[in-house]
Amino acid sequence: MTRKFFYIFVCLFLFSVFLNSPERMFAATSAELQQKIADTQRQRDALLEEQKRLQAELDVLGKQGATLQGAVKSLDATRLKLVNDIKITQSKINSANLNIQSLENSIANKEDQITTHERAIKSAIKELSEYDSHSMIVDLLNNKTFSEIWTDQGSLSDLNDRLNSEINSLQEAQLALTRQKTEKEKTKQSLVGLKTELGGQKSVVEENKTEKARLLALTKSQEAAYQKMLAENIARGKQFEADLINYESQLKFALDPSSIPSPSRSILSWPLDKIFVTQYFGYTPDAARLYRTTAMHNGVDFRANIGTSVKAALGGIVTDIEAVKTKNGCQYGKWILIKHPNGLSTIYGHLSAVLVKPGNTITTGQIIGYSGQTGYSEGPHLHFGLYVTAGIKIVDAGTLKINSSCAGIKTVAAPVQAYLDPLAYMPTL
């Protein structure tokens, strides 16, 4: 076999390897996965449109007066939205699983290609090396001219360069696959977070059903009974607030201004995607109505329907939570307290579900729970508070007053000097 014929043989061999590479076998599978991903996205888009419609309905119901019929309608509308939210989250989970499967197929495909190509290339190079071991003298004895010899040598050199180039290309592909593997790990992490969110959303649905049944049982579907219950809840809430204020007035705390950052619009992020303030921090008209002892509101209230995602305003560590079924009138109900590395802490109150535990490390923007109306709340909303961490005390609400109806429920207390206006540390509305 002459060198030219051998050169042609090697090229044909490599071409057959490329033609039958694993990439062609995986193409159909990849196309099917991409179609499934696209179908899932279309389904999610439809669910998101339904979510907007349901949210608009809830916004209308939220503006109506406090009546039994309105409360029941709101709970029913909330349940429908929560079920739709669960479908959206499940759609995200399905997409994440499909993306992981697609990445795994792509990784396996490329790795198989690399293995096959390298084996073929090594074999070809070995054959070339063995063939090249013949000396130029042998070629001359075979009556080959110098011109033919140098032409053959040049062709072989070109082939060798092509083989080396192909190896480099495959190595680059392997580096790209390493990045794909990293992307797969990130997708897996997001999948874990989505599954946690799904569990939280399902618990809110159960809470919603329980609240509706409890409401109807307590009122026996009578408006008068409902109004009486509301009045009793407000009275208990005000009494609890008075007990807490009395306790906090006895706490001693000297604020060191250098221990916390000065107010800045860039320190905290918003805890909700959609921001509408219903009550500001400090001595406001609403505070005067609700907190008669001091007329001060120690945080900011945001409008938030039951089941709205609540996000950490800044990264930190969960100091404590109250996640049990809480009694009406007991301050924040279900809450989360996060300690940040800058000397500040944030609290998220009146939640319907808590997704974190004490000691968890939280990142800015991470979903930590879902809004509700547990504790002392006249309607669904998020209470967001900001403290100087050094001034915080977590106490059993039952210790605030003898025979308190809130015994066994944790709450957060702080002297007035440790309360800060959250909006002074958040982006401009």
Protein backbone atom coordinates (compact mmCIF):
# COMPACT_ATOMS: atom_id res chain seq x y z
CA MET A 1 0.00 0.00 0.00
CA THR A 2 1.47 3.37 -0.97
CA ARG A 3 1.47 6.29 1.43
CA LYS A 4 -1.18 8.08 -0.65
CA PHE A 5 -3.49 5.10 -0.50
CA PHE A 6 -2.86 4.78 3.22
CA TYR A 7 -3.60 8.50 3.69
CA ILE A 8 -6.95 8.02 1.90
CA PHE A 9 -7.67 4.93 3.97
CA VAL A 10 -7.11 6.78 7.26
CA CYS A 11 -9.32 9.70 6.16
CA LEU A 12 -12.12 7.31 5.21
CA PHE A 13 -11.74 5.50 8.51
CA LEU A 14 -11.97 8.73 10.52
CA PHE A 15 -14.94 9.88 8.41
CA SER A 16 -16.77 6.64 9.20
CA VAL A 17 -16.07 7.15 12.90
CA PHE A 18 -17.45 10.71 12.79
CA LEU A 19 -20.47 9.59 10.76
CA ASN A 20 -21.40 6.94 13.30
CA SER A 21 -20.50 8.96 16.38
CA PRO A 22 -22.80 8.85 19.46
CA GLU A 23 -23.95 12.41 18.69
CA ARG A 24 -26.20 11.09 15.92
CA MET A 25 -27.68 8.46 18.25
CA PHE A 26 -28.50 11.08 20.91
CA ALA A 27 -29.99 13.60 18.48
CA ALA A 28 -33.50 12.15 18.57
CA THR A 29 -33.51 11.93 22.36
CA SER A 30 -32.31 15.53 22.67
CA ALA A 31 -34.99 16.77 20.27
CA GLU A 32 -37.68 14.96 22.24
CA LEU A 33 -36.48 16.52 25.50
CA GLN A 34 -36.40 20.01 24.01
CA GLN A 35 -39.96 19.51 22.78
CA LYS A 36 -41.06 18.46 26.28
CA ILE A 37 -39.33 21.49 27.78
CA ALA A 38 -41.09 23.79 25.30
CA ASP A 39 -44.46 22.15 26.03
CA THR A 40 -43.91 22.59 29.77
CA GLN A 41 -43.09 26.27 29.28
CA ARG A 42 -46.28 26.81 27.27
CA GLN A 43 -48.33 25.18 30.02
CA ARG A 44 -46.64 27.38 32.61
CA ASP A 45 -47.37 30.52 30.58
CA ALA A 46 -51.06 29.60 30.64
CA LEU A 47 -50.89 29.05 34.40
CA LEU A 48 -49.21 32.43 34.89
CA GLU A 49 -52.05 34.11 33.00
CA GLU A 50 -54.54 32.37 35.28
CA GLN A 51 -52.48 33.49 38.27
CA LYS A 52 -52.87 37.14 37.19
CA ARG A 53 -56.63 36.73 36.91
CA LEU A 54 -56.92 35.12 40.34
CA GLN A 55 -54.68 37.77 41.89
CA ALA A 56 -56.87 40.52 40.46
CA GLU A 57 -59.92 38.85 41.99
CA LEU A 58 -58.19 38.67 45.37
CA ASP A 59 -57.23 42.34 45.17
CA VAL A 60 -60.88 43.27 44.68
CA LEU A 61 -62.00 41.08 47.59
CA GLY A 62 -59.28 42.58 49.79
CA LYS A 63 -60.77 46.05 49.39
CA GLN A 64 -64.19 44.97 50.63
CA GLY A 65 -65.30 45.47 54.21
CA ALA A 66 -64.77 42.90 56.96
CA THR A 67 -67.81 40.63 56.65
CA LEU A 68 -68.26 36.91 57.07
CA GLN A 69 -69.29 36.48 53.47
CA GLY A 70 -66.28 38.47 52.30
CA ALA A 71 -63.94 36.43 54.49
CA VAL A 72 -65.28 33.14 53.12
CA LYS A 73 -65.08 34.40 49.52
CA SER A 74 -61.52 35.55 50.11
CA LEU A 75 -60.54 32.16 51.55
CA ASP A 76 -62.12 30.37 48.59
CA ALA A 77 -60.38 32.66 46.08
CA THR A 78 -57.11 32.24 47.96
CA ARG A 79 -57.42 28.47 47.78
CA LEU A 80 -57.91 28.59 44.00
CA LYS A 81 -54.85 30.81 43.61
CA LEU A 82 -52.77 28.57 45.87
CA VAL A 83 -53.72 25.51 43.84
CA ASN A 84 -52.69 27.39 40.69
CA ASP A 85 -49.41 28.46 42.36
CA ILE A 86 -48.72 24.82 43.21
CA LYS A 87 -49.22 23.88 39.54
CA ILE A 88 -46.75 26.61 38.53
CA THR A 89 -44.16 25.36 41.02
CA GLN A 90 -44.69 21.78 39.83
CA SER A 91 -44.18 23.00 36.27
CA LYS A 92 -40.87 24.56 37.31
CA ILE A 93 -39.87 21.28 38.93
CA ASN A 94 -40.76 19.38 35.75
CA SER A 95 -38.69 21.82 33.68
CA ALA A 96 -35.73 21.49 36.04
CA ASN A 97 -35.89 17.69 35.83
CA LEU A 98 -36.07 17.81 32.02
CA ASN A 99 -33.14 20.24 31.87
CA ILE A 100 -31.10 17.97 34.13
CA GLN A 101 -31.94 14.99 31.91
CA SER A 102 -30.99 16.98 28.81
CA LEU A 103 -27.67 18.01 30.37
CA GLU A 104 -26.96 14.43 31.43
CA ASN A 105 -27.64 13.19 27.90
CA SER A 106 -25.45 15.90 26.42
CA ILE A 107 -22.65 15.12 28.84
CA ALA A 108 -22.85 11.38 28.16
CA ASN A 109 -23.00 12.05 24.42
CA LYS A 110 -19.92 14.26 24.39
CA GLU A 111 -17.95 11.94 26.66
CA ASP A 112 -18.72 9.01 24.40
CA GLN A 113 -17.69 11.08 21.38
CA ILE A 114 -14.42 12.00 23.02
CA THR A 115 -13.66 8.38 23.92
CA THR A 116 -14.49 7.12 20.43
CA HIS A 117 -12.56 9.83 18.62
CA GLU A 118 -9.49 9.53 20.83
CA ARG A 119 -9.43 5.77 20.32
CA ALA A 120 -9.67 6.17 16.56
CA ILE A 121 -7.09 8.95 16.48
CA LYS A 122 -4.63 7.01 18.62
CA SER A 123 -5.04 3.99 16.39
CA ALA A 124 -4.47 6.04 13.27
CA ILE A 125 -1.42 7.77 14.73
CA LYS A 126 -0.01 4.41 15.75
CA GLU A 127 -0.41 3.08 12.22
CA LEU A 128 1.16 6.22 10.81
CA SER A 129 4.05 5.97 13.22
CA GLU A 130 4.70 2.36 12.26
CA TYR A 131 4.46 3.19 8.58
CA ASP A 132 6.76 6.18 9.03
CA SER A 133 9.41 3.94 10.61
CA HIS A 134 10.40 2.95 7.06
CA SER A 135 13.37 5.03 6.06
CA MET A 136 13.64 7.19 3.00
CA ILE A 137 16.28 4.72 1.72
CA VAL A 138 13.59 2.01 1.48
CA ASP A 139 11.49 4.39 -0.59
CA LEU A 140 14.44 5.11 -2.88
CA LEU A 141 15.11 1.39 -3.30
CA ASN A 142 11.47 1.09 -4.38
CA ASN A 143 12.32 3.50 -7.24
CA LYS A 144 10.43 6.46 -5.71
CA THR A 145 11.71 9.91 -6.62
CA PHE A 146 12.64 12.55 -4.04
CA SER A 147 9.68 14.61 -5.21
CA GLU A 148 7.25 11.74 -4.55
CA ILE A 149 8.79 11.07 -1.14
CA TRP A 150 8.54 14.69 -0.02
CA THR A 151 4.95 14.89 -1.32
CA ASP A 152 4.02 11.80 0.68
CA GLN A 153 5.78 13.15 3.75
CA GLY A 154 3.88 16.45 3.42
CA SER A 155 0.55 14.65 3.13
CA LEU A 156 1.30 12.58 6.21
CA SER A 157 2.33 15.71 8.09
CA ASP A 158 -0.96 17.40 7.16
CA LEU A 159 -2.87 14.36 8.36
CA ASN A 160 -0.99 14.37 11.63
CA ASP A 161 -1.82 18.05 12.10
CA ARG A 162 -5.49 17.30 11.47
CA LEU A 163 -5.44 14.50 14.00
CA ASN A 164 -3.85 16.72 16.64
CA SER A 165 -6.31 19.48 15.87
CA GLU A 166 -9.19 17.05 16.33
CA ILE A 167 -7.83 15.96 19.69
CA ASN A 168 -7.59 19.59 20.79
CA SER A 169 -11.18 20.21 19.66
CA LEU A 170 -12.40 17.25 21.65
CA GLN A 171 -10.51 18.40 24.72
CA GLU A 172 -12.15 21.80 24.40
CA ALA A 173 -15.51 20.03 24.18
CA GLN A 174 -14.67 18.22 27.39
CA LEU A 175 -13.98 21.55 29.12
CA ALA A 176 -17.36 22.77 27.92
CA LEU A 177 -18.92 19.65 29.40
CA THR A 178 -17.31 20.41 32.72
CA ARG A 179 -19.15 23.72 32.66
CA GLN A 180 -22.35 21.85 31.78
CA LYS A 181 -21.85 19.60 34.78
CA THR A 182 -21.54 22.70 36.97
CA GLU A 183 -24.76 24.02 35.45
CA LYS A 184 -26.43 20.69 36.19
CA GLU A 185 -25.43 20.94 39.86
CA LYS A 186 -26.91 24.45 40.04
CA THR A 187 -30.13 23.20 38.48
CA LYS A 188 -30.25 20.39 41.03
CA GLN A 189 -29.86 22.91 43.85
CA SER A 190 -32.70 25.00 42.45
CA LEU A 191 -34.75 21.82 42.23
CA VAL A 192 -34.29 21.21 45.95
CA GLY A 193 -35.44 24.78 46.64
CA LEU A 194 -38.49 24.34 44.39
CA LYS A 195 -39.48 21.15 46.20
CA THR A 196 -39.23 23.00 49.52
CA GLU A 197 -41.43 25.78 48.14
CA LEU A 198 -43.93 23.20 46.89
CA GLY A 199 -44.16 21.67 50.36
CA GLY A 200 -44.71 25.12 51.86
CA GLN A 201 -47.44 25.96 49.36
CA LYS A 202 -49.25 22.70 50.10
CA SER A 203 -49.14 23.45 53.82
CA VAL A 204 -50.68 26.88 53.14
CA VAL A 205 -53.54 25.18 51.28
CA GLU A 206 -54.17 22.96 54.30
CA GLU A 207 -53.99 26.01 56.57
CA ASN A 208 -56.50 27.74 54.33
CA LYS A 209 -58.95 24.83 54.52
CA THR A 210 -58.57 24.64 58.30
CA GLU A 211 -59.11 28.39 58.69
CA LYS A 212 -62.31 28.29 56.63
CA ALA A 213 -63.68 25.36 58.65
CA ARG A 214 -62.71 27.06 61.92
CA LEU A 215 -64.29 30.35 60.84
CA LEU A 216 -67.59 28.74 59.89
CA ALA A 217 -67.65 26.64 63.07
CA LEU A 218 -67.00 29.64 65.34
CA THR A 219 -69.53 31.90 63.67
CA LYS A 220 -72.11 29.26 62.75
CA SER A 221 -72.42 31.24 59.49
CA GLN A 222 -73.88 34.21 61.37
CA GLU A 223 -72.63 37.72 60.56
CA ALA A 224 -73.23 38.95 64.12
CA ALA A 225 -71.14 36.12 65.52
CA TYR A 226 -68.37 36.96 63.05
CA GLN A 227 -68.32 40.63 64.03
CA LYS A 228 -68.24 39.65 67.72
CA MET A 229 -65.28 37.34 67.04
CA LEU A 230 -63.44 40.14 65.22
CA ALA A 231 -63.97 42.50 68.13
CA GLU A 232 -62.71 39.91 70.60
CA ASN A 233 -59.60 39.26 68.50
CA ILE A 234 -58.84 42.99 68.30
CA ALA A 235 -59.29 43.35 72.06
CA ARG A 236 -56.93 40.42 72.74
CA GLY A 237 -54.41 41.87 70.33
CA LYS A 238 -54.44 45.25 72.01
CA GLN A 239 -54.09 43.67 75.42
CA PHE A 240 -51.14 41.63 74.24
CA GLU A 241 -49.57 44.74 72.76
CA ALA A 242 -49.96 46.55 76.08
CA ASP A 243 -48.33 43.63 77.90
CA LEU A 244 -45.44 43.60 75.44
CA ILE A 245 -44.88 47.34 75.66
CA ASN A 246 -44.85 47.15 79.44
CA TYR A 247 -42.25 44.39 79.26
CA GLU A 248 -40.11 46.22 76.70
CA SER A 249 -40.14 49.43 78.76
CA GLN A 250 -38.21 47.56 81.44
CA LEU A 251 -35.46 46.43 79.10
CA LYS A 252 -32.19 48.34 79.33
CA PHE A 253 -30.28 48.98 76.14
CA ALA A 254 -27.76 51.61 75.09
CA LEU A 255 -27.37 51.82 71.32
CA ASP A 256 -23.83 52.17 69.99
CA PRO A 257 -24.34 53.89 66.61
CA SER A 258 -21.00 52.61 65.35
CA SER A 259 -22.19 49.00 65.73
CA ILE A 260 -24.72 49.27 62.88
CA PRO A 261 -24.66 50.77 59.38
CA SER A 262 -26.05 54.23 58.79
CA PRO A 263 -29.36 54.33 56.90
CA SER A 264 -28.82 53.63 53.21
CA ARG A 265 -31.17 52.72 50.38
CA SER A 266 -28.88 49.90 49.28
CA ILE A 267 -28.65 47.78 52.43
CA LEU A 268 -31.92 45.81 52.31
CA SER A 269 -33.97 44.49 49.41
CA TRP A 270 -37.75 44.21 49.27
CA PRO A 271 -39.21 41.11 50.96
CA LEU A 272 -42.04 40.88 48.38
CA ASP A 273 -42.13 41.05 44.60
CA LYS A 274 -45.04 43.50 44.64
CA ILE A 275 -44.78 46.35 47.15
CA PHE A 276 -47.70 48.26 48.62
CA VAL A 277 -47.26 49.75 52.10
CA THR A 278 -50.41 49.62 54.25
CA GLN A 279 -48.82 50.98 57.43
CA TYR A 280 -45.57 52.84 57.98
CA PHE A 281 -43.09 52.73 60.84
CA GLY A 282 -43.45 54.96 63.88
CA TYR A 283 -46.20 57.20 65.18
CA THR A 284 -48.82 56.94 62.46
CA PRO A 285 -52.62 57.40 62.56
CA ASP A 286 -53.07 53.64 62.18
CA ALA A 287 -50.64 53.04 65.03
CA ALA A 288 -52.66 55.40 67.21
CA ARG A 289 -55.77 53.36 66.42
CA LEU A 290 -54.19 49.97 66.94
CA TYR A 291 -51.58 50.55 69.65
CA ARG A 292 -53.19 52.91 72.11
CA THR A 293 -50.44 52.65 74.74
CA THR A 294 -47.58 54.03 72.65
CA ALA A 295 -49.24 54.77 69.29
CA MET A 296 -46.06 53.46 67.63
CA HIS A 297 -45.84 50.86 64.93
CA ASN A 298 -42.51 49.01 65.24
CA GLY A 299 -42.22 47.93 61.61
CA VAL A 300 -43.72 48.28 58.16
CA ASP A 301 -46.82 46.42 56.92
CA PHE A 302 -47.09 45.34 53.29
CA ARG A 303 -50.22 44.19 51.52
CA ALA A 304 -49.86 40.47 50.79
CA ASN A 305 -52.52 37.88 50.13
CA ILE A 306 -52.26 34.55 51.92
CA GLY A 307 -49.63 32.41 50.21
CA THR A 308 -47.55 35.25 48.77
CA SER A 309 -43.84 34.35 48.64
CA VAL A 310 -41.81 36.14 51.34
CA LYS A 311 -38.10 36.68 50.63
CA ALA A 312 -35.12 37.44 52.85
CA ALA A 313 -34.26 41.13 52.62
CA LEU A 314 -30.59 40.35 53.29
CA GLY A 315 -28.44 37.27 53.73
CA GLY A 316 -27.79 35.97 57.21
CA ILE A 317 -28.57 33.23 59.71
CA VAL A 318 -32.01 32.31 61.03
CA THR A 319 -31.97 33.19 64.73
CA ASP A 320 -35.37 31.72 65.60
CA ILE A 321 -38.85 31.05 64.29
CA GLU A 322 -42.38 30.48 65.51
CA ALA A 323 -43.91 27.97 63.14
CA VAL A 324 -46.65 26.25 65.19
CA LYS A 325 -50.35 26.95 64.81
CA THR A 326 -50.63 30.18 66.79
CA LYS A 327 -53.57 31.70 68.58
CA ASN A 328 -55.25 34.85 67.35
CA GLY A 329 -54.10 38.03 69.02
CA CYS A 330 -50.57 36.83 69.82
CA GLN A 331 -48.53 39.51 68.09
CA TYR A 332 -46.71 38.20 64.98
CA GLY A 333 -48.26 34.72 64.86
CA LYS A 334 -45.87 32.65 62.76
CA TRP A 335 -42.63 34.56 62.23
CA ILE A 336 -38.99 34.32 61.15
CA LEU A 337 -36.09 36.29 62.64
CA ILE A 338 -32.86 36.57 60.63
CA LYS A 339 -29.58 37.91 62.02
CA HIS A 340 -27.42 39.71 59.44
CA PRO A 341 -23.63 40.20 59.61
CA ASN A 342 -23.93 44.01 59.85
CA GLY A 343 -25.45 44.17 63.34
CA LEU A 344 -29.05 44.26 62.11
CA SER A 345 -31.84 41.68 62.25
CA THR A 346 -35.09 41.46 60.29
CA ILE A 347 -38.40 39.87 61.26
CA TYR A 348 -41.16 38.60 58.99
CA GLY A 349 -44.51 38.22 60.75
CA HIS A 350 -48.08 36.90 60.32
CA LEU A 351 -46.88 34.10 58.05
CA SER A 352 -49.01 31.16 56.99
CA ALA A 353 -46.00 28.88 56.43
CA VAL A 354 -42.33 28.89 57.45
CA LEU A 355 -39.75 27.20 55.17
CA VAL A 356 -36.60 27.65 57.28
CA LYS A 357 -35.23 26.51 60.62
CA PRO A 358 -33.02 28.14 63.27
CA GLY A 359 -29.38 27.99 62.23
CA ASN A 360 -30.10 27.94 58.48
CA THR A 361 -27.87 30.19 56.36
CA ILE A 362 -30.04 32.37 54.14
CA THR A 363 -29.17 34.31 50.99
CA THR A 364 -30.65 37.64 49.90
CA GLY A 365 -33.88 37.08 47.97
CA GLN A 366 -34.32 33.48 49.11
CA ILE A 367 -37.94 32.45 49.69
CA ILE A 368 -38.26 31.79 53.42
CA GLY A 369 -42.01 31.53 53.91
CA TYR A 370 -45.48 32.55 52.80
CA SER A 371 -47.58 35.45 53.99
CA GLY A 372 -50.77 35.01 55.97
CA GLN A 373 -52.74 36.53 58.83
CA THR A 374 -51.68 34.56 61.89
CA GLY A 375 -51.32 36.30 65.24
CA TYR A 376 -52.69 39.80 65.80
CA SER A 377 -53.84 40.69 62.29
CA GLU A 378 -56.99 42.31 60.96
CA GLY A 379 -56.31 40.89 57.51
CA PRO A 380 -53.64 39.17 55.39
CA HIS A 381 -50.39 41.13 55.27
CA LEU A 382 -46.67 40.92 55.97
CA HIS A 383 -45.22 42.66 58.99
CA PHE A 384 -41.58 43.49 58.29
CA GLY A 385 -39.45 44.77 61.15
CA LEU A 386 -35.83 45.86 61.55
CA TYR A 387 -33.89 45.64 64.81
CA VAL A 388 -30.49 46.34 66.24
CA THR A 389 -29.50 42.73 66.88
CA ALA A 390 -27.89 43.48 70.25
CA GLY A 391 -31.22 44.71 71.65
CA ILE A 392 -33.35 41.66 70.79
CA LYS A 393 -34.86 39.26 73.32
CA ILE A 394 -36.92 36.21 72.40
CA VAL A 395 -39.44 35.44 75.14
CA ASP A 396 -42.38 33.19 75.87
CA ALA A 397 -45.44 35.33 75.33
CA GLY A 398 -46.98 33.74 78.41
CA THR A 399 -44.41 35.44 80.64
CA LEU A 400 -45.56 38.90 79.64
CA LYS A 401 -48.59 38.65 81.88
CA ILE A 402 -49.91 36.08 84.35
CA ASN A 403 -52.44 33.68 82.76
CA SER A 404 -51.75 35.06 79.29
CA SER A 405 -53.71 33.26 76.58
CA CYS A 406 -50.54 33.28 74.49
CA ALA A 407 -48.55 31.06 76.87
CA GLY A 408 -46.15 28.73 75.07
CA ILE A 409 -45.84 30.95 72.01
CA LYS A 410 -42.52 32.69 71.33
CA THR A 411 -42.37 36.36 70.48
CA VAL A 412 -39.68 38.97 69.89
CA ALA A 413 -39.19 41.88 72.29
CA ALA A 414 -36.84 44.88 72.15
CA PRO A 415 -36.57 48.32 73.76
CA VAL A 416 -37.71 51.20 71.59
CA GLN A 417 -34.07 52.22 70.91
CA ALA A 418 -33.50 48.89 69.12
CA TYR A 419 -36.33 49.41 66.61
CA LEU A 420 -35.34 50.93 63.26
CA ASP A 421 -37.38 52.16 60.31
CA PRO A 422 -36.95 49.46 57.63
CA LEU A 423 -37.77 51.84 54.77
CA ALA A 424 -34.70 53.94 55.60
CA TYR A 425 -32.56 50.95 54.59
CA MET A 426 -34.52 49.85 51.52
CA PRO A 427 -34.67 50.99 47.89
CA THR A 428 -36.83 54.04 47.15
CA LEU A 429 -40.45 53.16 46.41
